[in-house]
Amino acid sequence: MKRAFTLMELLVTIGILALLAGILLPALNNAREAARRASCMSNLRQLGTALELYGAASGYRLPVCAGSFDPEAGPSIQSVLSQHVAGNKGVWQCPSDPRKDRIGGSYDWNVYANGLCMDRKTLQIQGFYMPVMSDYDQFHRASGKDSRRNWLYLPAEVQKMVRPLQ
């Protein structure tokens, strides 16, 4: 004889599944954002390698490019490094950037580094190294508690900085 499930058993089963889904979904979202951050850091590292290639061909000087602080400083960093990124357009787009139509990509050039020599002594200011590129905005959020931005330092080092939300 076949025994059917009662309504109460079905409701308890559905409740348990909903509870498990509620526990697992935030963990999956955190893992997805961690993967996006890693991809962003990889993009910046590739751009750092392209900058090093540019420097080797230009007397180890950083290019003079436009950035968000001075849009008229020169050509865009994309046009300067285009021959060194081998046509890989995806390297300019952070996967966490909500604006996929951003002109110039997701990364911002530090105009204060324009034309500087690429040695560590020049890029070091009062014991701190000056970044040459960063995320254009704070795309990377960690559970809403802080705000993260990836920074590119030469030679091709990428670091994430955490700053409390204000």
N, C-alpha and C. Protein backbone atom coordinates (compact mmCIF):
# COMPACT_ATOMS: atom_id res chain seq x y z
N MET A 1 0.82 -1.16 0.00
CA MET A 1 0.00 0.00 0.00
C MET A 1 0.89 1.25 0.00
N LYS A 2 0.55 2.21 -0.87
CA LYS A 2 1.31 3.45 -0.99
C LYS A 2 0.80 4.45 0.03
N ARG A 3 1.76 5.09 0.68
CA ARG A 3 1.40 6.10 1.66
C ARG A 3 1.77 7.46 1.08
N ALA A 4 0.88 8.39 1.05
CA ALA A 4 1.13 9.73 0.51
C ALA A 4 1.65 10.63 1.63
N PHE A 5 2.35 11.69 1.22
CA PHE A 5 2.83 12.68 2.18
C PHE A 5 1.65 13.54 2.66
N THR A 6 1.70 13.88 3.90
CA THR A 6 0.65 14.76 4.40
C THR A 6 1.02 16.20 4.09
N LEU A 7 0.08 17.09 4.18
CA LEU A 7 0.31 18.50 3.91
C LEU A 7 1.35 19.06 4.88
N MET A 8 1.30 18.65 6.11
CA MET A 8 2.25 19.14 7.11
C MET A 8 3.67 18.72 6.77
N GLU A 9 3.88 17.49 6.34
CA GLU A 9 5.21 17.02 5.96
C GLU A 9 5.75 17.82 4.77
N LEU A 10 4.91 18.11 3.80
CA LEU A 10 5.33 18.89 2.65
C LEU A 10 5.71 20.32 3.05
N LEU A 11 4.92 20.93 3.92
CA LEU A 11 5.21 22.29 4.37
C LEU A 11 6.50 22.36 5.18
N VAL A 12 6.74 21.37 6.02
CA VAL A 12 7.99 21.33 6.79
C VAL A 12 9.18 21.17 5.85
N THR A 13 9.06 20.31 4.85
CA THR A 13 10.14 20.10 3.88
C THR A 13 10.43 21.39 3.11
N ILE A 14 9.39 22.06 2.65
CA ILE A 14 9.56 23.32 1.92
C ILE A 14 10.19 24.37 2.83
N GLY A 15 9.79 24.43 4.08
CA GLY A 15 10.36 25.38 5.03
C GLY A 15 11.84 25.13 5.26
N ILE A 16 12.23 23.87 5.39
CA ILE A 16 13.64 23.53 5.59
C ILE A 16 14.46 23.92 4.35
N LEU A 17 13.93 23.64 3.16
CA LEU A 17 14.63 24.01 1.93
C LEU A 17 14.77 25.52 1.80
N ALA A 18 13.73 26.27 2.16
CA ALA A 18 13.80 27.74 2.10
C ALA A 18 14.84 28.26 3.09
N LEU A 19 14.91 27.68 4.27
CA LEU A 19 15.89 28.08 5.27
C LEU A 19 17.31 27.82 4.76
N LEU A 20 17.54 26.65 4.18
CA LEU A 20 18.86 26.33 3.63
C LEU A 20 19.23 27.28 2.49
N ALA A 21 18.27 27.60 1.63
CA ALA A 21 18.54 28.54 0.53
C ALA A 21 18.87 29.92 1.09
N GLY A 22 18.17 30.34 2.13
CA GLY A 22 18.45 31.63 2.75
C GLY A 22 19.82 31.70 3.37
N ILE A 23 20.33 30.58 3.84
CA ILE A 23 21.66 30.54 4.43
C ILE A 23 22.73 30.50 3.34
N LEU A 24 22.49 29.78 2.27
CA LEU A 24 23.50 29.58 1.24
C LEU A 24 23.63 30.73 0.25
N LEU A 25 22.55 31.43 -0.06
CA LEU A 25 22.61 32.47 -1.08
C LEU A 25 23.57 33.61 -0.73
N PRO A 26 23.59 34.13 0.49
CA PRO A 26 24.59 35.17 0.80
C PRO A 26 26.03 34.67 0.65
N ALA A 27 26.27 33.45 1.02
CA ALA A 27 27.63 32.90 0.87
C ALA A 27 28.00 32.80 -0.61
N LEU A 28 27.05 32.42 -1.45
CA LEU A 28 27.33 32.34 -2.88
C LEU A 28 27.58 33.74 -3.45
N ASN A 29 26.83 34.74 -3.01
CA ASN A 29 27.04 36.10 -3.49
C ASN A 29 28.40 36.62 -3.06
N ASN A 30 28.83 36.32 -1.83
CA ASN A 30 30.16 36.73 -1.39
C ASN A 30 31.25 36.06 -2.21
N ALA A 31 31.06 34.78 -2.54
CA ALA A 31 32.04 34.07 -3.36
C ALA A 31 32.09 34.66 -4.77
N ARG A 32 30.94 35.03 -5.31
CA ARG A 32 30.88 35.63 -6.64
C ARG A 32 31.61 36.99 -6.65
N GLU A 33 31.41 37.80 -5.61
CA GLU A 33 32.09 39.10 -5.54
C GLU A 33 33.60 38.91 -5.35
N ALA A 34 34.00 37.90 -4.61
CA ALA A 34 35.44 37.62 -4.45
C ALA A 34 36.06 37.24 -5.79
N ALA A 35 35.33 36.50 -6.61
CA ALA A 35 35.82 36.14 -7.94
C ALA A 35 35.92 37.38 -8.83
N ARG A 36 34.96 38.27 -8.73
CA ARG A 36 35.02 39.52 -9.51
C ARG A 36 36.21 40.37 -9.08
N ARG A 37 36.46 40.44 -7.77
CA ARG A 37 37.61 41.20 -7.27
C ARG A 37 38.91 40.61 -7.79
N ALA A 38 39.00 39.29 -7.79
CA ALA A 38 40.22 38.63 -8.28
C ALA A 38 40.42 38.92 -9.77
N SER A 39 39.34 38.91 -10.54
CA SER A 39 39.42 39.22 -11.97
C SER A 39 39.85 40.67 -12.17
N CYS A 40 39.33 41.57 -11.37
CA CYS A 40 39.71 42.98 -11.44
C CYS A 40 41.20 43.15 -11.14
N MET A 41 41.67 42.48 -10.11
CA MET A 41 43.09 42.56 -9.76
C MET A 41 43.96 42.00 -10.88
N SER A 42 43.49 40.95 -11.52
CA SER A 42 44.22 40.38 -12.65
C SER A 42 44.28 41.37 -13.81
N ASN A 43 43.16 42.06 -14.07
CA ASN A 43 43.15 43.08 -15.13
C ASN A 43 44.17 44.18 -14.84
N LEU A 44 44.18 44.67 -13.60
CA LEU A 44 45.14 45.72 -13.24
C LEU A 44 46.58 45.23 -13.33
N ARG A 45 46.80 43.99 -12.96
CA ARG A 45 48.16 43.43 -13.06
C ARG A 45 48.60 43.37 -14.54
N GLN A 46 47.67 42.99 -15.43
CA GLN A 46 47.99 42.97 -16.86
C GLN A 46 48.29 44.38 -17.37
N LEU A 47 47.53 45.36 -16.89
CA LEU A 47 47.80 46.75 -17.28
C LEU A 47 49.14 47.22 -16.73
N GLY A 48 49.51 46.75 -15.54
CA GLY A 48 50.82 47.07 -14.99
C GLY A 48 51.94 46.49 -15.83
N THR A 49 51.75 45.28 -16.31
CA THR A 49 52.74 44.67 -17.19
C THR A 49 52.84 45.46 -18.50
N ALA A 50 51.70 45.90 -19.02
CA ALA A 50 51.70 46.73 -20.23
C ALA A 50 52.43 48.05 -19.98
N LEU A 51 52.25 48.63 -18.79
CA LEU A 51 52.98 49.86 -18.43
C LEU A 51 54.48 49.62 -18.37
N GLU A 52 54.87 48.47 -17.86
CA GLU A 52 56.30 48.15 -17.81
C GLU A 52 56.87 47.98 -19.22
N LEU A 53 56.10 47.37 -20.11
CA LEU A 53 56.53 47.26 -21.51
C LEU A 53 56.65 48.64 -22.15
N TYR A 54 55.66 49.49 -21.87
CA TYR A 54 55.71 50.87 -22.38
C TYR A 54 56.96 51.57 -21.85
N GLY A 55 57.24 51.41 -20.55
CA GLY A 55 58.40 52.05 -19.94
C GLY A 55 59.71 51.59 -20.55
N ALA A 56 59.81 50.31 -20.85
CA ALA A 56 61.04 49.78 -21.46
C ALA A 56 61.28 50.41 -22.83
N ALA A 57 60.20 50.75 -23.53
CA ALA A 57 60.32 51.34 -24.86
C ALA A 57 60.44 52.86 -24.82
N SER A 58 60.24 53.48 -23.64
CA SER A 58 60.24 54.95 -23.58
C SER A 58 61.17 55.49 -22.49
N GLY A 59 62.28 54.85 -22.29
CA GLY A 59 63.27 55.36 -21.34
C GLY A 59 62.82 55.26 -19.89
N TYR A 60 61.99 54.28 -19.58
CA TYR A 60 61.50 54.04 -18.22
C TYR A 60 60.85 55.27 -17.60
N ARG A 61 60.03 55.92 -18.39
CA ARG A 61 59.20 57.03 -17.93
C ARG A 61 57.75 56.64 -18.09
N LEU A 62 56.92 57.05 -17.13
CA LEU A 62 55.49 56.80 -17.23
C LEU A 62 54.90 57.72 -18.30
N PRO A 63 53.82 57.29 -18.93
CA PRO A 63 53.21 58.14 -19.96
C PRO A 63 52.53 59.36 -19.34
N VAL A 64 52.29 60.36 -20.16
CA VAL A 64 51.50 61.53 -19.75
C VAL A 64 50.11 61.30 -20.31
N CYS A 65 49.16 61.04 -19.41
CA CYS A 65 47.80 60.67 -19.81
C CYS A 65 46.76 61.45 -19.03
N ALA A 66 45.56 61.45 -19.55
CA ALA A 66 44.43 62.07 -18.87
C ALA A 66 43.91 61.13 -17.80
N GLY A 67 43.35 61.70 -16.75
CA GLY A 67 42.72 60.94 -15.69
C GLY A 67 41.53 61.73 -15.18
N SER A 68 40.85 61.21 -14.18
CA SER A 68 39.65 61.90 -13.69
C SER A 68 39.98 63.24 -13.05
N PHE A 69 41.20 63.42 -12.49
CA PHE A 69 41.57 64.70 -11.88
C PHE A 69 41.94 65.75 -12.91
N ASP A 70 42.39 65.31 -14.08
CA ASP A 70 42.76 66.25 -15.14
C ASP A 70 42.46 65.60 -16.49
N PRO A 71 41.21 65.73 -16.97
CA PRO A 71 40.82 65.07 -18.22
C PRO A 71 41.54 65.60 -19.46
N GLU A 72 42.17 66.77 -19.34
CA GLU A 72 42.84 67.38 -20.50
C GLU A 72 44.36 67.19 -20.47
N ALA A 73 44.87 66.34 -19.58
CA ALA A 73 46.31 66.20 -19.40
C ALA A 73 47.00 65.54 -20.59
N GLY A 74 46.29 64.82 -21.39
CA GLY A 74 46.89 64.14 -22.53
C GLY A 74 45.95 63.11 -23.08
N PRO A 75 46.48 62.18 -23.87
CA PRO A 75 45.61 61.13 -24.41
C PRO A 75 45.18 60.16 -23.30
N SER A 76 44.20 59.35 -23.59
CA SER A 76 43.74 58.37 -22.59
C SER A 76 44.79 57.28 -22.42
N ILE A 77 44.79 56.67 -21.27
CA ILE A 77 45.72 55.57 -21.00
C ILE A 77 45.45 54.39 -21.94
N GLN A 78 44.19 54.23 -22.36
CA GLN A 78 43.85 53.15 -23.29
C GLN A 78 44.55 53.34 -24.63
N SER A 79 44.57 54.56 -25.13
CA SER A 79 45.23 54.79 -26.42
C SER A 79 46.74 54.63 -26.31
N VAL A 80 47.32 55.01 -25.18
CA VAL A 80 48.76 54.89 -25.00
C VAL A 80 49.19 53.43 -24.89
N LEU A 81 48.41 52.63 -24.17
CA LEU A 81 48.80 51.23 -23.93
C LEU A 81 48.18 50.25 -24.92
N SER A 82 47.45 50.74 -25.92
CA SER A 82 46.73 49.83 -26.81
C SER A 82 47.64 48.81 -27.50
N GLN A 83 48.83 49.20 -27.88
CA GLN A 83 49.72 48.24 -28.56
C GLN A 83 50.33 47.23 -27.60
N HIS A 84 50.28 47.52 -26.30
CA HIS A 84 50.89 46.62 -25.32
C HIS A 84 49.89 45.65 -24.68
N VAL A 85 48.58 45.85 -24.89
CA VAL A 85 47.59 44.91 -24.34
C VAL A 85 47.07 43.96 -25.40
N ALA A 86 47.65 44.00 -26.57
CA ALA A 86 47.38 43.04 -27.65
C ALA A 86 45.90 42.93 -28.01
N GLY A 87 45.21 44.04 -28.05
CA GLY A 87 43.81 44.03 -28.49
C GLY A 87 42.83 43.43 -27.51
N ASN A 88 43.25 43.18 -26.29
CA ASN A 88 42.37 42.60 -25.28
C ASN A 88 41.54 43.72 -24.67
N LYS A 89 40.35 43.97 -25.21
CA LYS A 89 39.49 45.06 -24.73
C LYS A 89 38.91 44.76 -23.35
N GLY A 90 38.76 43.49 -23.00
CA GLY A 90 38.17 43.12 -21.72
C GLY A 90 39.02 43.49 -20.52
N VAL A 91 40.31 43.75 -20.74
CA VAL A 91 41.20 44.08 -19.63
C VAL A 91 40.88 45.46 -19.06
N TRP A 92 40.16 46.29 -19.79
CA TRP A 92 39.81 47.64 -19.33
C TRP A 92 38.52 47.68 -18.53
N GLN A 93 37.83 46.56 -18.41
CA GLN A 93 36.51 46.54 -17.77
C GLN A 93 36.55 45.70 -16.50
N CYS A 94 36.25 46.31 -15.36
CA CYS A 94 36.15 45.58 -14.10
C CYS A 94 34.82 44.84 -14.08
N PRO A 95 34.79 43.56 -13.74
CA PRO A 95 33.54 42.81 -13.71
C PRO A 95 32.54 43.35 -12.69
N SER A 96 33.00 44.07 -11.67
CA SER A 96 32.10 44.62 -10.65
C SER A 96 31.58 46.01 -11.00
N ASP A 97 32.08 46.59 -12.06
CA ASP A 97 31.64 47.93 -12.45
C ASP A 97 30.20 47.86 -12.97
N PRO A 98 29.26 48.54 -12.30
CA PRO A 98 27.88 48.49 -12.76
C PRO A 98 27.66 49.23 -14.07
N ARG A 99 28.55 50.17 -14.39
CA ARG A 99 28.42 50.93 -15.64
C ARG A 99 29.30 50.30 -16.71
N LYS A 100 28.73 49.44 -17.50
CA LYS A 100 29.50 48.77 -18.56
C LYS A 100 29.75 49.70 -19.75
N ASP A 101 29.05 50.83 -19.79
CA ASP A 101 29.20 51.77 -20.90
C ASP A 101 30.15 52.92 -20.59
N ARG A 102 30.90 52.81 -19.51
CA ARG A 102 31.81 53.89 -19.10
C ARG A 102 32.87 54.11 -20.17
N ILE A 103 32.97 55.32 -20.64
CA ILE A 103 33.97 55.65 -21.66
C ILE A 103 35.35 55.57 -21.02
N GLY A 104 36.24 54.83 -21.63
CA GLY A 104 37.59 54.70 -21.10
C GLY A 104 37.77 53.53 -20.15
N GLY A 105 36.72 52.79 -19.87
CA GLY A 105 36.85 51.61 -19.04
C GLY A 105 36.67 51.91 -17.56
N SER A 106 36.98 50.92 -16.74
CA SER A 106 36.72 50.96 -15.30
C SER A 106 37.89 51.46 -14.49
N TYR A 107 39.01 51.75 -15.12
CA TYR A 107 40.21 52.09 -14.37
C TYR A 107 40.64 53.53 -14.64
N ASP A 108 41.15 54.17 -13.61
CA ASP A 108 41.52 55.57 -13.67
C ASP A 108 43.02 55.73 -13.57
N TRP A 109 43.57 56.62 -14.37
CA TRP A 109 45.00 56.92 -14.36
C TRP A 109 45.27 58.01 -13.32
N ASN A 110 46.36 57.86 -12.57
CA ASN A 110 46.78 58.86 -11.60
C ASN A 110 47.59 59.92 -12.32
N VAL A 111 47.01 61.09 -12.55
CA VAL A 111 47.69 62.14 -13.31
C VAL A 111 48.92 62.68 -12.59
N TYR A 112 49.01 62.45 -11.28
CA TYR A 112 50.20 62.91 -10.54
C TYR A 112 51.43 62.07 -10.87
N ALA A 113 51.22 60.95 -11.56
CA ALA A 113 52.34 60.11 -11.97
C ALA A 113 52.79 60.43 -13.40
N ASN A 114 52.15 61.38 -14.05
CA ASN A 114 52.47 61.71 -15.45
C ASN A 114 53.95 62.05 -15.63
N GLY A 115 54.59 61.29 -16.53
CA GLY A 115 55.97 61.58 -16.92
C GLY A 115 57.03 61.24 -15.90
N LEU A 116 56.66 60.66 -14.77
CA LEU A 116 57.67 60.33 -13.75
C LEU A 116 58.53 59.15 -14.19
N CYS A 117 59.71 59.10 -13.62
CA CYS A 117 60.60 57.97 -13.82
C CYS A 117 59.99 56.76 -13.11
N MET A 118 60.18 55.59 -13.67
CA MET A 118 59.52 54.39 -13.13
C MET A 118 60.30 53.69 -12.03
N ASP A 119 61.27 54.33 -11.42
CA ASP A 119 62.01 53.66 -10.35
C ASP A 119 61.29 53.82 -9.01
N ARG A 120 61.62 52.96 -8.08
CA ARG A 120 60.95 52.96 -6.77
C ARG A 120 61.18 54.25 -6.00
N LYS A 121 62.36 54.83 -6.14
CA LYS A 121 62.67 56.06 -5.40
C LYS A 121 61.74 57.20 -5.83
N THR A 122 61.48 57.32 -7.10
CA THR A 122 60.62 58.39 -7.61
C THR A 122 59.17 58.16 -7.21
N LEU A 123 58.71 56.92 -7.26
CA LEU A 123 57.31 56.61 -6.98
C LEU A 123 57.02 56.50 -5.48
N GLN A 124 58.04 56.72 -4.66
CA GLN A 124 57.84 56.64 -3.21
C GLN A 124 57.79 58.07 -2.65
N ILE A 125 56.71 58.35 -1.91
CA ILE A 125 56.51 59.67 -1.32
C ILE A 125 56.41 59.51 0.19
N GLN A 126 57.38 60.01 0.91
CA GLN A 126 57.40 59.94 2.37
C GLN A 126 57.15 58.52 2.89
N GLY A 127 57.80 57.57 2.29
CA GLY A 127 57.70 56.18 2.75
C GLY A 127 56.54 55.40 2.17
N PHE A 128 55.69 56.03 1.39
CA PHE A 128 54.55 55.34 0.78
C PHE A 128 54.72 55.32 -0.73
N TYR A 129 54.34 54.22 -1.35
CA TYR A 129 54.42 54.13 -2.80
C TYR A 129 53.17 54.73 -3.42
N MET A 130 53.35 55.46 -4.49
CA MET A 130 52.25 56.12 -5.16
C MET A 130 51.64 55.16 -6.20
N PRO A 131 50.33 54.97 -6.15
CA PRO A 131 49.70 54.13 -7.17
C PRO A 131 49.64 54.86 -8.50
N VAL A 132 49.70 54.11 -9.59
CA VAL A 132 49.61 54.72 -10.91
C VAL A 132 48.22 54.56 -11.52
N MET A 133 47.48 53.53 -11.10
CA MET A 133 46.11 53.33 -11.59
C MET A 133 45.28 52.75 -10.46
N SER A 134 43.96 52.89 -10.60
CA SER A 134 43.05 52.31 -9.61
C SER A 134 41.70 52.07 -10.26
N ASP A 135 40.81 51.41 -9.52
CA ASP A 135 39.42 51.33 -9.94
C ASP A 135 38.89 52.75 -10.07
N TYR A 136 38.04 52.99 -11.05
CA TYR A 136 37.49 54.32 -11.24
C TYR A 136 36.63 54.75 -10.05
N ASP A 137 35.95 53.79 -9.46
CA ASP A 137 35.09 54.07 -8.32
C ASP A 137 35.17 52.88 -7.36
N GLN A 138 34.48 52.96 -6.25
CA GLN A 138 34.52 51.89 -5.26
C GLN A 138 33.48 50.83 -5.61
N PHE A 139 33.83 49.96 -6.55
CA PHE A 139 32.90 48.93 -7.03
C PHE A 139 32.76 47.77 -6.05
N HIS A 140 33.82 47.48 -5.32
CA HIS A 140 33.89 46.27 -4.53
C HIS A 140 33.40 46.52 -3.11
N ARG A 141 32.28 45.94 -2.79
CA ARG A 141 31.71 46.09 -1.46
C ARG A 141 31.80 44.74 -0.75
N ALA A 142 32.09 44.79 0.53
CA ALA A 142 32.16 43.56 1.32
C ALA A 142 31.08 43.63 2.39
N SER A 143 29.98 43.01 2.17
CA SER A 143 28.87 42.93 3.11
C SER A 143 28.35 44.29 3.55
N GLY A 144 28.57 45.32 2.74
CA GLY A 144 28.08 46.64 3.04
C GLY A 144 28.80 47.34 4.17
N LYS A 145 29.84 46.74 4.73
CA LYS A 145 30.53 47.32 5.88
C LYS A 145 31.67 48.23 5.48
N ASP A 146 32.27 47.97 4.36
CA ASP A 146 33.38 48.80 3.93
C ASP A 146 33.37 48.91 2.42
N SER A 147 34.25 49.71 1.94
CA SER A 147 34.31 49.99 0.53
C SER A 147 35.72 49.64 0.06
N ARG A 148 35.79 48.99 -1.07
CA ARG A 148 37.10 48.52 -1.53
C ARG A 148 37.40 49.07 -2.90
N ARG A 149 38.67 49.35 -3.09
CA ARG A 149 39.16 49.81 -4.38
C ARG A 149 40.50 49.13 -4.61
N ASN A 150 40.73 48.65 -5.80
CA ASN A 150 42.01 48.03 -6.14
C ASN A 150 42.94 49.10 -6.70
N TRP A 151 44.22 49.03 -6.32
CA TRP A 151 45.22 50.00 -6.73
C TRP A 151 46.38 49.28 -7.40
N LEU A 152 46.93 49.89 -8.44
CA LEU A 152 48.08 49.34 -9.15
C LEU A 152 49.32 50.14 -8.79
N TYR A 153 50.31 49.43 -8.28
CA TYR A 153 51.62 50.02 -7.99
C TYR A 153 52.62 49.38 -8.94
N LEU A 154 53.67 50.08 -9.26
CA LEU A 154 54.70 49.48 -10.09
C LEU A 154 55.81 49.00 -9.17
N PRO A 155 56.43 47.88 -9.49
CA PRO A 155 56.27 47.04 -10.66
C PRO A 155 55.09 46.07 -10.54
N ALA A 156 54.06 46.31 -11.29
CA ALA A 156 52.87 45.45 -11.47
C ALA A 156 52.38 44.78 -10.20
N GLU A 157 52.25 45.54 -9.14
CA GLU A 157 51.71 45.02 -7.88
C GLU A 157 50.32 45.61 -7.69
N VAL A 158 49.36 44.76 -7.37
CA VAL A 158 48.00 45.22 -7.14
C VAL A 158 47.64 44.97 -5.69
N GLN A 159 47.06 45.98 -5.06
CA GLN A 159 46.63 45.84 -3.67
C GLN A 159 45.21 46.36 -3.56
N LYS A 160 44.48 45.76 -2.64
CA LYS A 160 43.14 46.27 -2.36
C LYS A 160 43.19 47.05 -1.06
N MET A 161 42.55 48.17 -1.06
CA MET A 161 42.50 49.01 0.13
C MET A 161 41.07 49.04 0.64
N VAL A 162 40.93 48.90 1.93
CA VAL A 162 39.60 48.90 2.56
C VAL A 162 39.45 50.23 3.29
N ARG A 163 38.33 50.88 3.06
CA ARG A 163 38.05 52.14 3.71
C ARG A 163 36.61 52.10 4.23
N PRO A 164 36.37 52.49 5.48
CA PRO A 164 35.00 52.46 6.01
C PRO A 164 34.08 53.37 5.21
N LEU A 165 32.84 52.95 5.05
CA LEU A 165 31.86 53.78 4.36
C LEU A 165 31.56 55.01 5.19
N GLN A 166 31.31 56.11 4.52
CA GLN A 166 31.05 57.36 5.23
C GLN A 166 29.63 57.79 5.06
